[in-house]
N, C-alpha and C. Protein backbone atom coordinates (compact mmCIF):
# COMPACT_ATOMS: atom_id res chain seq x y z
N MET A 1 -132.26 -54.61 -2.10
CA MET A 1 -132.18 -53.17 -2.16
C MET A 1 -131.46 -52.76 -3.45
N ALA A 2 -132.05 -51.82 -4.15
CA ALA A 2 -131.44 -51.31 -5.37
C ALA A 2 -130.26 -50.41 -5.02
N LYS A 3 -129.11 -50.71 -5.57
CA LYS A 3 -127.89 -49.92 -5.35
C LYS A 3 -127.35 -49.49 -6.70
N VAL A 4 -126.67 -48.35 -6.73
CA VAL A 4 -126.09 -47.84 -7.96
C VAL A 4 -124.58 -47.72 -7.76
N SER A 5 -123.84 -48.33 -8.65
CA SER A 5 -122.38 -48.27 -8.60
C SER A 5 -121.93 -46.81 -8.72
N GLY A 6 -121.01 -46.41 -7.88
CA GLY A 6 -120.49 -45.05 -7.91
C GLY A 6 -121.25 -44.07 -7.04
N CYS A 7 -122.39 -44.46 -6.47
CA CYS A 7 -123.14 -43.58 -5.57
C CYS A 7 -122.56 -43.70 -4.17
N GLU A 8 -122.10 -42.57 -3.63
CA GLU A 8 -121.50 -42.57 -2.30
C GLU A 8 -122.49 -43.01 -1.22
N LEU A 9 -123.75 -42.67 -1.39
CA LEU A 9 -124.74 -43.05 -0.38
C LEU A 9 -125.10 -44.52 -0.46
N CYS A 10 -125.09 -45.08 -1.67
CA CYS A 10 -125.30 -46.53 -1.81
C CYS A 10 -124.11 -47.29 -1.21
N GLU A 11 -122.92 -46.74 -1.39
CA GLU A 11 -121.71 -47.37 -0.85
C GLU A 11 -121.79 -47.46 0.67
N ALA A 12 -122.28 -46.42 1.30
CA ALA A 12 -122.47 -46.38 2.75
C ALA A 12 -121.19 -46.73 3.52
N ALA A 13 -120.10 -46.11 3.13
CA ALA A 13 -118.83 -46.34 3.83
C ALA A 13 -118.94 -45.83 5.26
N ARG A 14 -118.43 -46.59 6.17
CA ARG A 14 -118.50 -46.23 7.59
C ARG A 14 -117.28 -45.40 7.97
N ILE A 15 -117.29 -44.16 7.50
CA ILE A 15 -116.19 -43.23 7.72
C ILE A 15 -116.40 -42.42 8.99
N THR A 16 -117.65 -42.11 9.29
CA THR A 16 -118.01 -41.30 10.44
C THR A 16 -118.84 -42.14 11.41
N PRO A 17 -119.11 -41.64 12.60
CA PRO A 17 -119.94 -42.41 13.54
C PRO A 17 -121.34 -42.69 12.99
N TRP A 18 -121.79 -43.92 13.19
CA TRP A 18 -123.14 -44.34 12.81
C TRP A 18 -123.98 -44.41 14.08
N HIS A 19 -125.24 -43.99 13.96
CA HIS A 19 -126.14 -43.91 15.11
C HIS A 19 -127.29 -44.90 15.03
N PHE A 20 -127.65 -45.32 13.81
CA PHE A 20 -128.81 -46.19 13.64
C PHE A 20 -128.73 -46.86 12.27
N GLU A 21 -129.25 -48.10 12.20
CA GLU A 21 -129.39 -48.78 10.91
C GLU A 21 -130.47 -49.85 11.02
N ASP A 22 -131.31 -49.94 10.00
CA ASP A 22 -132.26 -51.03 9.87
C ASP A 22 -132.37 -51.37 8.38
N ASP A 23 -133.40 -52.10 8.00
CA ASP A 23 -133.56 -52.51 6.61
C ASP A 23 -133.94 -51.36 5.68
N THR A 24 -134.40 -50.25 6.24
CA THR A 24 -134.88 -49.11 5.45
C THR A 24 -133.83 -48.02 5.27
N CYS A 25 -133.11 -47.71 6.34
CA CYS A 25 -132.23 -46.54 6.31
C CYS A 25 -131.08 -46.69 7.29
N TRP A 26 -130.20 -45.71 7.24
CA TRP A 26 -129.16 -45.58 8.25
C TRP A 26 -129.01 -44.10 8.61
N VAL A 27 -128.56 -43.84 9.83
CA VAL A 27 -128.30 -42.48 10.30
C VAL A 27 -126.85 -42.44 10.77
N ALA A 28 -126.10 -41.52 10.20
CA ALA A 28 -124.69 -41.34 10.55
C ALA A 28 -124.34 -39.87 10.44
N ASP A 29 -123.19 -39.49 10.96
CA ASP A 29 -122.73 -38.12 10.79
C ASP A 29 -122.28 -37.93 9.35
N CYS A 30 -122.73 -36.84 8.75
CA CYS A 30 -122.36 -36.51 7.37
C CYS A 30 -120.87 -36.20 7.31
N GLU A 31 -120.20 -36.83 6.38
CA GLU A 31 -118.75 -36.63 6.21
C GLU A 31 -118.42 -35.17 5.88
N ILE A 32 -119.28 -34.49 5.16
CA ILE A 32 -119.04 -33.11 4.76
C ILE A 32 -119.50 -32.12 5.82
N CYS A 33 -120.72 -32.30 6.33
CA CYS A 33 -121.35 -31.32 7.21
C CYS A 33 -121.12 -31.53 8.70
N ASP A 34 -120.75 -32.75 9.08
CA ASP A 34 -120.55 -33.09 10.49
C ASP A 34 -121.83 -32.92 11.31
N VAL A 35 -122.97 -33.25 10.71
CA VAL A 35 -124.25 -33.30 11.41
C VAL A 35 -124.91 -34.63 11.08
N PRO A 36 -125.85 -35.09 11.90
CA PRO A 36 -126.52 -36.35 11.59
C PRO A 36 -127.30 -36.26 10.28
N MET A 37 -127.27 -37.34 9.53
CA MET A 37 -128.08 -37.42 8.32
C MET A 37 -128.66 -38.82 8.22
N VAL A 38 -129.85 -38.89 7.61
CA VAL A 38 -130.50 -40.17 7.36
C VAL A 38 -130.41 -40.44 5.87
N VAL A 39 -130.18 -41.70 5.51
CA VAL A 39 -130.04 -42.10 4.11
C VAL A 39 -130.91 -43.32 3.87
N TRP A 40 -131.73 -43.24 2.83
CA TRP A 40 -132.56 -44.37 2.40
C TRP A 40 -131.65 -45.42 1.78
N LYS A 41 -131.88 -46.67 2.10
CA LYS A 41 -131.04 -47.73 1.56
C LYS A 41 -131.34 -48.04 0.10
N GLU A 42 -132.47 -47.56 -0.41
CA GLU A 42 -132.79 -47.70 -1.83
C GLU A 42 -132.21 -46.51 -2.58
N HIS A 43 -131.72 -46.72 -3.77
CA HIS A 43 -131.25 -45.59 -4.57
C HIS A 43 -132.45 -44.99 -5.29
N GLY A 44 -132.78 -43.79 -4.93
CA GLY A 44 -133.90 -43.07 -5.52
C GLY A 44 -134.14 -41.81 -4.72
N HIS A 45 -134.82 -40.85 -5.30
CA HIS A 45 -135.00 -39.57 -4.62
C HIS A 45 -136.41 -39.35 -4.07
N GLU A 46 -137.34 -40.28 -4.34
CA GLU A 46 -138.70 -40.10 -3.85
C GLU A 46 -139.24 -41.35 -3.19
N PRO A 47 -138.84 -41.62 -1.95
CA PRO A 47 -139.43 -42.76 -1.24
C PRO A 47 -140.91 -42.47 -0.94
N PRO A 48 -141.68 -43.52 -0.71
CA PRO A 48 -143.07 -43.31 -0.30
C PRO A 48 -143.15 -42.45 0.96
N SER A 49 -144.21 -41.68 1.10
CA SER A 49 -144.31 -40.73 2.21
C SER A 49 -144.23 -41.40 3.58
N ASP A 50 -144.79 -42.61 3.72
CA ASP A 50 -144.70 -43.29 5.01
C ASP A 50 -143.26 -43.69 5.33
N VAL A 51 -142.49 -44.01 4.32
CA VAL A 51 -141.07 -44.35 4.51
C VAL A 51 -140.29 -43.09 4.88
N VAL A 52 -140.60 -41.97 4.22
CA VAL A 52 -139.95 -40.69 4.57
C VAL A 52 -140.24 -40.36 6.03
N ASP A 53 -141.48 -40.48 6.43
CA ASP A 53 -141.85 -40.19 7.83
C ASP A 53 -141.05 -41.06 8.80
N GLU A 54 -140.93 -42.34 8.49
CA GLU A 54 -140.17 -43.26 9.34
C GLU A 54 -138.70 -42.85 9.40
N MET A 55 -138.11 -42.53 8.25
CA MET A 55 -136.69 -42.16 8.22
C MET A 55 -136.43 -40.84 8.94
N VAL A 56 -137.28 -39.85 8.71
CA VAL A 56 -137.12 -38.57 9.39
C VAL A 56 -137.29 -38.76 10.89
N GLY A 57 -138.17 -39.64 11.29
CA GLY A 57 -138.32 -39.95 12.72
C GLY A 57 -137.04 -40.52 13.32
N ARG A 58 -136.35 -41.36 12.58
CA ARG A 58 -135.06 -41.90 13.05
C ARG A 58 -134.03 -40.78 13.18
N LEU A 59 -134.01 -39.87 12.20
CA LEU A 59 -133.09 -38.73 12.23
C LEU A 59 -133.40 -37.82 13.41
N VAL A 60 -134.66 -37.54 13.63
CA VAL A 60 -135.08 -36.67 14.73
C VAL A 60 -134.65 -37.26 16.08
N ALA A 61 -134.78 -38.56 16.25
CA ALA A 61 -134.37 -39.20 17.51
C ALA A 61 -132.88 -38.97 17.78
N VAL A 62 -132.06 -39.11 16.75
CA VAL A 62 -130.62 -38.89 16.91
C VAL A 62 -130.34 -37.41 17.16
N ALA A 63 -130.99 -36.54 16.39
CA ALA A 63 -130.76 -35.10 16.53
C ALA A 63 -131.23 -34.57 17.89
N ASP A 64 -132.36 -35.07 18.37
CA ASP A 64 -132.84 -34.66 19.70
C ASP A 64 -131.80 -34.99 20.76
N ALA A 65 -131.22 -36.17 20.67
CA ALA A 65 -130.21 -36.59 21.66
C ALA A 65 -128.95 -35.73 21.55
N ARG A 66 -128.61 -35.32 20.36
CA ARG A 66 -127.37 -34.56 20.16
C ARG A 66 -127.52 -33.07 20.40
N PHE A 67 -128.62 -32.48 19.90
CA PHE A 67 -128.78 -31.02 19.93
C PHE A 67 -129.90 -30.53 20.84
N GLY A 68 -130.74 -31.43 21.33
CA GLY A 68 -131.94 -31.03 22.06
C GLY A 68 -133.08 -30.84 21.08
N ALA A 69 -134.30 -30.95 21.57
CA ALA A 69 -135.48 -30.95 20.70
C ALA A 69 -135.63 -29.68 19.86
N ASP A 70 -135.15 -28.57 20.34
CA ASP A 70 -135.29 -27.31 19.59
C ASP A 70 -133.95 -26.80 19.06
N GLY A 71 -132.94 -27.66 19.03
CA GLY A 71 -131.60 -27.21 18.70
C GLY A 71 -131.16 -27.45 17.27
N TYR A 72 -132.10 -27.73 16.36
CA TYR A 72 -131.74 -28.05 14.98
C TYR A 72 -132.97 -27.92 14.09
N SER A 73 -132.74 -28.01 12.80
CA SER A 73 -133.84 -28.13 11.84
C SER A 73 -133.50 -29.25 10.86
N VAL A 74 -134.53 -29.88 10.33
CA VAL A 74 -134.33 -30.95 9.35
C VAL A 74 -134.27 -30.31 7.97
N ASP A 75 -133.20 -30.58 7.26
CA ASP A 75 -132.96 -30.06 5.91
C ASP A 75 -133.07 -31.23 4.95
N ARG A 76 -134.12 -31.21 4.11
CA ARG A 76 -134.33 -32.30 3.15
C ARG A 76 -133.88 -31.93 1.74
N VAL A 77 -133.15 -30.83 1.58
CA VAL A 77 -132.65 -30.44 0.26
C VAL A 77 -131.43 -31.29 -0.05
N MET A 78 -131.49 -32.02 -1.15
CA MET A 78 -130.41 -32.95 -1.52
C MET A 78 -129.50 -32.25 -2.53
N ARG A 79 -128.57 -31.47 -2.04
CA ARG A 79 -127.75 -30.62 -2.89
C ARG A 79 -126.72 -31.39 -3.71
N GLN A 80 -125.82 -32.08 -3.06
CA GLN A 80 -124.69 -32.71 -3.76
C GLN A 80 -125.03 -34.06 -4.37
N ILE A 81 -126.01 -34.74 -3.82
CA ILE A 81 -126.41 -36.05 -4.35
C ILE A 81 -127.94 -36.01 -4.49
N PRO A 82 -128.44 -35.37 -5.55
CA PRO A 82 -129.88 -35.15 -5.67
C PRO A 82 -130.70 -36.37 -6.06
N ASP A 83 -130.05 -37.46 -6.45
CA ASP A 83 -130.81 -38.62 -6.92
C ASP A 83 -130.91 -39.74 -5.89
N HIS A 84 -130.49 -39.48 -4.66
CA HIS A 84 -130.57 -40.50 -3.59
C HIS A 84 -131.08 -39.80 -2.33
N PHE A 85 -132.26 -40.22 -1.85
CA PHE A 85 -132.88 -39.54 -0.71
C PHE A 85 -131.98 -39.55 0.52
N HIS A 86 -131.81 -38.37 1.08
CA HIS A 86 -131.14 -38.20 2.36
C HIS A 86 -131.58 -36.86 2.95
N ALA A 87 -131.46 -36.72 4.24
CA ALA A 87 -131.83 -35.48 4.92
C ALA A 87 -130.86 -35.28 6.08
N HIS A 88 -130.60 -34.01 6.40
CA HIS A 88 -129.68 -33.64 7.47
C HIS A 88 -130.44 -32.99 8.62
N ALA A 89 -129.92 -33.13 9.83
CA ALA A 89 -130.39 -32.39 11.00
C ALA A 89 -129.30 -31.35 11.29
N ARG A 90 -129.59 -30.09 10.96
CA ARG A 90 -128.58 -29.04 11.07
C ARG A 90 -128.82 -28.14 12.28
N ASP A 91 -127.82 -28.07 13.13
CA ASP A 91 -127.88 -27.13 14.24
C ASP A 91 -127.49 -25.74 13.71
N PRO A 92 -127.79 -24.66 14.45
CA PRO A 92 -127.52 -23.32 13.94
C PRO A 92 -126.05 -23.02 13.68
N HIS A 93 -125.16 -23.78 14.28
CA HIS A 93 -123.73 -23.47 14.17
C HIS A 93 -122.96 -24.45 13.29
N TRP A 94 -123.67 -25.28 12.55
CA TRP A 94 -122.99 -26.32 11.78
C TRP A 94 -122.01 -25.74 10.77
N TRP A 95 -122.38 -24.67 10.10
CA TRP A 95 -121.52 -24.12 9.05
C TRP A 95 -120.22 -23.58 9.64
N SER A 96 -120.31 -22.76 10.66
CA SER A 96 -119.10 -22.18 11.25
C SER A 96 -118.26 -23.25 11.94
N ARG A 97 -118.89 -24.20 12.59
CA ARG A 97 -118.15 -25.27 13.26
C ARG A 97 -117.38 -26.11 12.25
N ARG A 98 -118.02 -26.45 11.16
CA ARG A 98 -117.42 -27.36 10.19
C ARG A 98 -116.43 -26.67 9.25
N PHE A 99 -116.82 -25.51 8.72
CA PHE A 99 -116.03 -24.91 7.66
C PHE A 99 -115.16 -23.73 8.10
N LEU A 100 -115.48 -23.13 9.23
CA LEU A 100 -114.66 -22.02 9.72
C LEU A 100 -113.85 -22.40 10.94
N GLY A 101 -114.04 -23.63 11.43
CA GLY A 101 -113.27 -24.12 12.57
C GLY A 101 -113.60 -23.44 13.88
N ARG A 102 -114.82 -22.93 14.00
CA ARG A 102 -115.21 -22.24 15.25
C ARG A 102 -116.01 -23.16 16.13
């Protein structure tokens, strides 16, 4: 697996709860957002579409268990780390819960 020194997602520190891991990806709670996120184990921002589908499926399984099937949306915008594929499952209250303490 291609890794880049200094990339937080390549480092994959186990700071928060982890829900899934295989040779392709891992799903853990985002340290910043406190919602499940999936991370490709390869450093790059454009995995093949079949790999994206597989990874998003892993994220959806975790998010369904946590929020219910209609209790979240998948956010694939890579804001803070745009060069390493990752996606979040965001429930409607993630912002206020995480940043406003509600």
